């Protein structure tokens, strides 16, 4: 973002077709380089305890949810169900 505010709304597209956003606080328009919408939380999956990268669900084991991080580490968490 080009400002320090986090309250933004979609504001059309630029000439390359990228989504534009406008800050509700200061009015600045910008394009996100990361491809994520502003203000939306990342997934609910936990970060890897070994390398702190994001994770995806990878089945269940002994009543616990199993996860795999982006770097290939496997770890377990308490089941949400």
Protein backbone atom coordinates (compact mmCIF):
# COMPACT_ATOMS: atom_id res chain seq x y z
CA UNK A 1 0.00 0.00 0.00
CA UNK A 2 1.05 3.55 -0.45
CA UNK A 3 -0.38 4.71 2.90
CA UNK A 4 -0.37 3.32 6.43
CA UNK A 5 -4.15 2.83 6.61
CA UNK A 6 -5.77 -0.56 6.21
CA UNK A 7 -9.36 0.42 5.33
CA UNK A 8 -9.54 0.20 1.53
CA UNK A 9 -12.21 -0.52 -1.07
CA UNK A 10 -12.06 -1.73 -4.67
CA UNK A 11 -11.82 1.17 -7.11
CA UNK A 12 -11.87 -0.19 -10.69
CA UNK A 13 -8.95 -1.53 -12.74
CA UNK A 14 -5.83 0.01 -14.25
CA UNK A 15 -4.87 -0.21 -17.95
CA UNK A 16 -3.15 -3.56 -17.39
CA UNK A 17 -6.33 -5.00 -15.85
CA UNK A 18 -5.03 -5.05 -12.26
CA UNK A 19 -7.48 -4.34 -9.43
CA UNK A 20 -7.24 -0.78 -8.07
CA UNK A 21 -8.01 0.05 -4.45
CA UNK A 22 -8.76 3.38 -2.74
CA UNK A 23 -8.01 4.12 0.91
CA UNK A 24 -11.15 5.25 2.73
CA UNK A 25 -9.09 7.32 5.19
CA UNK A 26 -6.76 9.34 2.94
CA UNK A 27 -8.24 8.75 -0.56
CA UNK A 28 -5.03 7.46 -2.16
CA UNK A 29 -5.44 4.93 -4.99
CA UNK A 30 -3.05 1.99 -5.32
CA UNK A 31 -2.49 -1.50 -6.74
CA UNK A 32 -1.52 -4.36 -4.44
CA UNK A 33 1.58 -6.21 -5.60
CA UNK A 34 0.86 -9.28 -3.47
CA UNK A 35 -2.47 -10.04 -5.12
CA UNK A 36 -4.31 -10.07 -1.78
CA UNK A 37 -7.22 -7.80 -0.98
CA UNK A 38 -6.48 -5.25 1.76
CA UNK A 39 -7.87 -5.89 5.19
CA UNK A 40 -8.71 -9.53 4.54
CA UNK A 41 -7.16 -11.86 7.07
CA UNK A 42 -4.94 -14.65 5.87
CA UNK A 43 -6.19 -18.21 6.22
CA UNK A 44 -7.07 -19.59 9.62
CA UNK A 45 -4.41 -22.27 9.38
CA UNK A 46 -1.57 -21.88 11.87
CA UNK A 47 1.97 -20.85 10.98
CA UNK A 48 4.60 -23.56 10.94
CA UNK A 49 6.30 -23.83 14.37
CA UNK A 50 9.61 -24.69 12.64
CA UNK A 51 9.93 -22.00 9.95
CA UNK A 52 6.90 -19.68 10.54
CA UNK A 53 5.61 -20.02 6.96
CA UNK A 54 1.95 -20.53 6.00
CA UNK A 55 0.36 -23.97 6.06
CA UNK A 56 -2.41 -26.05 4.47
CA UNK A 57 -4.51 -28.84 5.97
CA UNK A 58 -3.11 -32.29 5.27
CA UNK A 59 -5.50 -34.84 6.81
CA UNK A 60 -6.00 -36.02 10.38
CA UNK A 61 -3.90 -38.10 12.71
CA UNK A 62 -4.93 -39.35 16.20
CA UNK A 63 -7.83 -36.87 16.43
CA UNK A 64 -5.67 -33.89 15.52
CA UNK A 65 -5.66 -31.83 12.34
CA UNK A 66 -2.44 -32.36 10.40
CA UNK A 67 -0.80 -29.47 8.49
CA UNK A 68 1.99 -29.11 5.91
CA UNK A 69 3.84 -25.83 5.54
CA UNK A 70 5.09 -24.27 2.31
CA UNK A 71 8.58 -25.60 3.03
CA UNK A 72 7.44 -29.21 3.44
CA UNK A 73 7.38 -29.52 7.25
CA UNK A 74 4.52 -31.52 8.77
CA UNK A 75 2.96 -30.71 12.14
CA UNK A 76 -0.27 -31.32 14.06
CA UNK A 77 -2.79 -29.07 15.74
CA UNK A 78 -5.87 -29.61 17.86
CA UNK A 79 -8.92 -30.45 15.77
CA UNK A 80 -11.48 -27.66 15.36
CA UNK A 81 -14.32 -30.21 14.96
